[in-house]
N, C-alpha and C. Protein backbone atom coordinates (compact mmCIF):
# COMPACT_ATOMS: atom_id res chain seq x y z
N MET A 1 0.91 -1.23 0.07
CA MET A 1 0.04 0.14 0.05
C MET A 1 0.79 0.99 0.03
N LYS A 2 1.79 1.43 0.63
CA LYS A 2 2.55 2.29 0.81
C LYS A 2 3.35 2.63 -0.68
N LEU A 3 3.89 1.79 -1.34
CA LEU A 3 4.38 1.53 -2.66
C LEU A 3 3.63 2.40 -3.68
N PHE A 4 1.86 1.94 -3.39
CA PHE A 4 1.10 2.36 -4.40
C PHE A 4 1.16 3.93 -3.87
N SER A 5 1.18 4.24 -2.82
CA SER A 5 0.79 5.53 -2.68
C SER A 5 1.94 6.28 -3.11
N ILE A 6 3.25 5.97 -2.67
CA ILE A 6 4.11 7.19 -3.43
C ILE A 6 4.12 7.23 -4.85
N PHE A 7 3.80 5.74 -5.41
CA PHE A 7 3.78 5.90 -7.06
C PHE A 7 2.66 6.79 -7.43
N PHE A 8 1.47 6.87 -6.51
CA PHE A 8 0.26 7.77 -6.85
C PHE A 8 0.70 9.29 -6.80
N LEU A 9 1.61 9.37 -5.93
CA LEU A 9 1.95 10.87 -5.22
C LEU A 9 3.00 11.42 -6.60
N ALA A 10 3.75 10.59 -7.03
CA ALA A 10 4.92 10.63 -8.31
C ALA A 10 3.75 11.11 -9.39
N PHE A 11 3.20 10.16 -9.59
CA PHE A 11 2.31 10.35 -10.92
C PHE A 11 1.92 11.73 -10.89
N SER A 12 1.07 12.01 -9.83
CA SER A 12 0.30 13.09 -9.77
C SER A 12 1.18 14.68 -9.81
N LEU A 13 2.29 14.62 -9.11
CA LEU A 13 2.83 15.70 -9.55
C LEU A 13 3.32 15.86 -10.98
N PHE A 14 3.81 14.87 -11.42
CA PHE A 14 4.15 14.72 -12.95
C PHE A 14 2.85 15.29 -13.85
N PHE A 15 2.07 15.17 -13.55
CA PHE A 15 0.85 15.45 -14.13
C PHE A 15 0.35 16.50 -14.17
N VAL A 16 0.36 17.41 -12.87
CA VAL A 16 0.23 18.72 -12.54
C VAL A 16 1.27 19.74 -13.09
N SER A 17 2.26 19.05 -13.17
CA SER A 17 3.31 19.85 -13.58
C SER A 17 3.45 20.24 -15.19
N ASP A 18 2.83 18.89 -15.71
CA ASP A 18 2.64 18.95 -17.12
C ASP A 18 1.62 19.40 -17.77
N LEU A 19 0.79 19.70 -17.19
CA LEU A 19 -0.51 20.82 -17.56
C LEU A 19 -0.05 22.20 -17.07
N SER A 20 0.73 22.62 -16.64
CA SER A 20 1.45 23.88 -16.93
C SER A 20 2.00 24.56 -17.71
N SER A 21 2.12 23.68 -18.50
CA SER A 21 2.92 24.17 -19.79
C SER A 21 1.86 23.42 -21.32
N CYS A 22 0.54 23.47 -20.92
CA CYS A 22 -0.25 22.97 -22.05
C CYS A 22 -0.63 23.92 -22.93
N PRO A 23 -0.62 23.65 -23.93
CA PRO A 23 -0.90 25.01 -25.08
C PRO A 23 -2.35 25.08 -24.75
N TYR A 24 -3.49 24.37 -24.30
CA TYR A 24 -4.77 24.49 -23.81
C TYR A 24 -5.08 25.43 -22.93
N SER A 25 -4.31 25.42 -21.83
CA SER A 25 -4.20 26.13 -20.87
C SER A 25 -3.63 27.62 -21.09
N ALA A 26 -2.72 27.68 -22.32
CA ALA A 26 -2.25 29.08 -22.73
C ALA A 26 -3.35 29.56 -23.18
N MET A 27 -4.26 28.87 -24.41
CA MET A 27 -5.03 29.75 -24.92
C MET A 27 -6.20 29.94 -23.83
N THR A 28 -6.84 29.14 -23.07
CA THR A 28 -7.65 29.33 -21.97
C THR A 28 -6.96 30.86 -21.30
N LYS A 29 -5.85 30.91 -20.80
CA LYS A 29 -5.36 32.24 -20.58
C LYS A 29 -5.42 33.81 -21.27
N ILE A 30 -5.14 33.23 -22.60
CA ILE A 30 -4.85 34.45 -23.42
C ILE A 30 -6.51 35.02 -23.79
N ASP A 31 -7.67 33.75 -23.60
CA ASP A 31 -9.03 34.18 -24.00
C ASP A 31 -9.50 35.37 -23.05
N GLN A 32 -9.18 34.76 -21.33
CA GLN A 32 -9.36 35.44 -20.40
C GLN A 32 -8.94 36.54 -20.20
N LYS A 33 -8.06 37.03 -21.05
CA LYS A 33 -7.28 38.41 -20.64
C LYS A 33 -7.90 38.94 -21.73
N LEU A 34 -8.52 38.39 -22.72
CA LEU A 34 -9.01 39.03 -23.95
C LEU A 34 -10.49 39.75 -23.74
N GLU A 35 -10.82 39.22 -22.60
CA GLU A 35 -11.99 39.75 -22.26
C GLU A 35 -11.89 41.12 -21.70
N ASN A 36 -11.26 41.38 -21.24
CA ASN A 36 -11.06 43.16 -20.60
C ASN A 36 -9.66 43.61 -21.37
N PRO A 37 -9.64 43.62 -22.79
CA PRO A 37 -8.12 44.14 -23.19
C PRO A 37 -8.47 45.96 -22.88
N SER A 38 -8.85 46.52 -22.01
CA SER A 38 -8.82 47.65 -22.22
C SER A 38 -7.30 48.46 -22.20
N ASN A 39 -6.17 47.98 -21.66
CA ASN A 39 -4.88 48.48 -21.52
C ASN A 39 -3.83 47.98 -22.56
N LEU A 40 -4.92 47.67 -23.74
CA LEU A 40 -3.96 47.18 -24.41
C LEU A 40 -4.45 47.91 -26.21
N SER A 41 -3.39 48.32 -26.67
CA SER A 41 -3.27 48.94 -28.15
C SER A 41 -3.79 48.11 -29.24
N LYS A 42 -4.67 48.68 -30.31
CA LYS A 42 -5.14 47.80 -31.13
C LYS A 42 -4.31 47.09 -31.95
N GLU A 43 -2.99 47.57 -32.01
CA GLU A 43 -1.95 46.92 -32.68
C GLU A 43 -1.52 45.61 -31.79
N GLN A 44 -1.73 45.89 -30.61
CA GLN A 44 -1.22 44.72 -29.51
C GLN A 44 -2.33 43.82 -29.30
N LEU A 45 -3.73 43.93 -29.57
CA LEU A 45 -4.59 43.37 -29.98
C LEU A 45 -4.69 42.51 -30.77
N THR A 46 -4.53 42.94 -32.43
CA THR A 46 -4.35 42.30 -33.17
C THR A 46 -3.52 41.24 -33.37
N GLN A 47 -2.26 41.29 -33.00
CA GLN A 47 -0.85 40.61 -32.49
C GLN A 47 -1.24 39.49 -31.71
N ILE A 48 -1.71 39.94 -30.88
CA ILE A 48 -2.27 38.90 -29.53
C ILE A 48 -3.10 37.82 -30.52
N ILE A 49 -4.26 38.29 -31.01
CA ILE A 49 -5.35 37.37 -31.70
C ILE A 49 -4.98 36.62 -32.54
N ASN A 50 -4.04 37.38 -33.35
CA ASN A 50 -3.17 36.13 -34.30
C ASN A 50 -2.32 35.17 -34.32
N LEU A 51 -1.94 35.58 -32.71
CA LEU A 51 -0.83 34.25 -32.39
C LEU A 51 -1.61 33.93 -31.99
N ARG A 52 -2.57 33.71 -31.00
CA ARG A 52 -3.43 32.99 -30.45
C ARG A 52 -3.91 31.93 -31.91
N LYS A 53 -4.38 32.40 -32.95
CA LYS A 53 -4.48 31.77 -34.35
C LYS A 53 -3.82 30.60 -34.50
N GLU A 54 -2.80 31.44 -34.29
CA GLU A 54 -1.30 30.28 -35.19
C GLU A 54 -0.85 29.27 -34.26
N GLY A 55 -1.10 29.75 -32.94
CA GLY A 55 -0.51 28.92 -32.08
C GLY A 55 -1.86 27.83 -32.05
N GLU A 56 -3.17 27.74 -32.18
CA GLU A 56 -3.94 26.93 -32.31
C GLU A 56 -3.70 26.00 -33.88
N ALA A 57 -3.67 26.73 -34.78
CA ALA A 57 -3.21 25.92 -35.78
C ALA A 57 -2.06 25.09 -35.78
N ALA A 58 -1.11 25.54 -35.20
CA ALA A 58 0.00 24.34 -35.06
C ALA A 58 -0.20 23.34 -34.09
N LEU A 59 -1.31 23.50 -33.00
CA LEU A 59 -1.42 22.60 -32.10
C LEU A 59 -2.45 21.42 -32.99
N ARG A 60 -3.20 22.23 -33.86
CA ARG A 60 -4.07 21.09 -34.87
C ARG A 60 -3.55 20.54 -35.45
N LEU A 61 -2.22 20.93 -36.07
CA LEU A 61 -1.17 20.29 -36.89
C LEU A 61 -0.44 18.95 -35.97
N GLY A 62 -0.54 19.16 -35.05
CA GLY A 62 0.43 18.11 -34.37
C GLY A 62 1.58 18.66 -33.47
N ASN A 63 2.21 20.04 -33.97
CA ASN A 63 3.23 20.90 -33.30
C ASN A 63 3.46 21.66 -31.86
N VAL A 64 3.24 20.59 -31.10
CA VAL A 64 2.90 21.07 -29.59
C VAL A 64 4.11 21.87 -29.21
N ASP A 65 5.04 21.72 -29.52
CA ASP A 65 5.96 22.62 -28.73
C ASP A 65 6.08 24.22 -29.67
N LYS A 66 5.80 24.21 -31.02
CA LYS A 66 5.72 25.19 -31.72
C LYS A 66 4.56 26.05 -31.23
N SER A 67 3.12 25.28 -31.30
CA SER A 67 2.26 25.96 -30.22
C SER A 67 2.53 26.96 -29.36
N GLU A 68 3.44 25.99 -28.30
CA GLU A 68 3.58 26.12 -27.00
C GLU A 68 4.29 27.76 -27.08
N GLU A 69 5.52 27.78 -27.63
CA GLU A 69 6.29 28.72 -28.21
C GLU A 69 5.21 30.03 -28.71
N ILE A 70 4.52 29.92 -29.67
CA ILE A 70 3.58 30.78 -29.78
C ILE A 70 2.74 31.33 -29.33
N LEU A 71 2.13 30.55 -28.52
CA LEU A 71 1.20 30.92 -27.29
C LEU A 71 1.47 31.60 -26.52
N ASN A 72 2.76 31.28 -25.92
CA ASN A 72 3.58 32.08 -24.99
C ASN A 72 4.04 33.27 -25.14
N SER A 73 4.45 33.67 -26.69
CA SER A 73 4.57 35.22 -27.10
C SER A 73 3.36 36.00 -27.02
N ALA A 74 2.06 35.25 -27.32
CA ALA A 74 0.92 35.93 -26.95
C ALA A 74 0.85 36.63 -25.75
N LEU A 75 1.50 35.41 -24.65
CA LEU A 75 0.86 35.76 -23.44
C LEU A 75 2.03 37.06 -23.03
N ALA A 76 3.14 36.81 -23.67
CA ALA A 76 3.96 37.56 -23.38
C ALA A 76 3.53 39.52 -23.58
N LEU A 77 2.76 39.73 -24.49
CA LEU A 77 2.53 40.81 -25.20
C LEU A 77 1.61 41.44 -23.90
N PHE A 78 0.95 40.48 -23.21
CA PHE A 78 -0.06 41.39 -22.15
C PHE A 78 0.59 42.08 -21.25
N LYS A 79 2.13 41.95 -20.75
CA LYS A 79 2.56 42.24 -19.41
C LYS A 79 3.50 43.57 -20.09
């Protein structure tokens, strides 16, 4: 039972850390931030929307790493 508990804890930590870099969570964060874009210029807003679309397209093509890179670029524009 102790071995099972250790395995379950290790698996849980791996799964949670993996979710933080998920492109889907990045897209959700972008969408949430776009709900109130008052502090963004039109150029920034356009660039963020385009990057989000590019990231989603890369993800649909199976290029997860490229998608994460693009979506992280979009998130960086909010700062």
